[in-house]
Amino acid sequence: MIFEITKTMEQKIDEWDKCKAIDATGAKFAYTFIPTGIGLVIKVKCDCCCRVLDITEW
């Protein structure tokens, strides 16, 4: 399987993101890809504030 973030998904993440990275590398998101029988569920979790964004495209 190939797990990828599209440009549309990147735009949704940018609009949703309000936190500043606290890591020296600038990393602040955890991406979760869940394959299902009807498609791929994609969630993004902010490691700074623990909010979760569902960017699944059906």
Protein backbone atom coordinates (compact mmCIF):
# COMPACT_ATOMS: atom_id res chain seq x y z
CA MET A 1 0.00 0.00 0.00
CA ILE A 2 1.07 3.55 -0.63
CA PHE A 3 0.27 6.12 2.06
CA GLU A 4 0.48 9.69 0.82
CA ILE A 5 -0.76 13.16 1.69
CA THR A 6 -2.19 15.07 -1.29
CA LYS A 7 -1.89 18.82 -1.87
CA THR A 8 -5.54 19.24 -0.84
CA MET A 9 -4.83 17.44 2.43
CA GLU A 10 -1.76 19.61 3.00
CA GLN A 11 -3.92 22.72 2.61
CA LYS A 12 -6.45 21.40 5.16
CA ILE A 13 -3.61 20.71 7.61
CA ASP A 14 -2.14 24.20 7.09
CA GLU A 15 -5.55 25.83 7.72
CA TRP A 16 -6.09 23.71 10.86
CA ASP A 17 -2.56 24.12 12.29
CA LYS A 18 -2.26 26.83 14.96
CA CYS A 19 0.65 25.50 17.06
CA LYS A 20 4.36 26.21 17.02
CA ALA A 21 6.68 23.20 17.02
CA ILE A 22 8.42 22.61 20.34
CA ASP A 23 10.77 19.97 18.93
CA ALA A 24 14.20 21.05 17.68
CA THR A 25 13.48 19.33 14.36
CA GLY A 26 10.19 21.18 13.85
CA ALA A 27 8.15 17.96 13.92
CA LYS A 28 4.73 18.25 15.53
CA PHE A 29 2.33 15.88 13.76
CA ALA A 30 1.62 12.17 14.02
CA TYR A 31 -0.04 10.71 10.94
CA THR A 32 -2.28 7.64 11.26
CA PHE A 33 -3.31 5.65 8.18
CA ILE A 34 -6.05 3.04 8.72
CA PRO A 35 -6.91 0.82 5.75
CA THR A 36 -10.58 -0.30 5.72
CA GLY A 37 -12.77 -2.26 3.36
CA ILE A 38 -14.19 0.96 1.89
CA GLY A 39 -11.09 3.14 1.75
CA LEU A 40 -8.26 4.65 3.74
CA VAL A 41 -8.88 6.66 6.92
CA ILE A 42 -6.24 9.35 7.51
CA LYS A 43 -5.90 11.26 10.79
CA VAL A 44 -3.38 13.89 11.85
CA LYS A 45 -2.64 14.47 15.54
CA CYS A 46 -0.86 17.58 16.80
CA ASP A 47 1.76 16.56 19.37
CA CYS A 48 1.65 20.05 20.92
CA CYS A 49 -2.06 20.39 21.75
CA CYS A 50 -3.31 16.79 21.11
CA ARG A 51 -6.04 17.88 18.65
CA VAL A 52 -6.93 15.41 15.90
CA LEU A 53 -7.90 16.25 12.33
CA ASP A 54 -9.60 13.69 10.08
CA ILE A 55 -8.48 14.33 6.47
CA THR A 56 -10.04 11.20 4.97
CA GLU A 57 -11.10 11.72 1.36
CA TRP A 58 -13.88 9.31 0.35
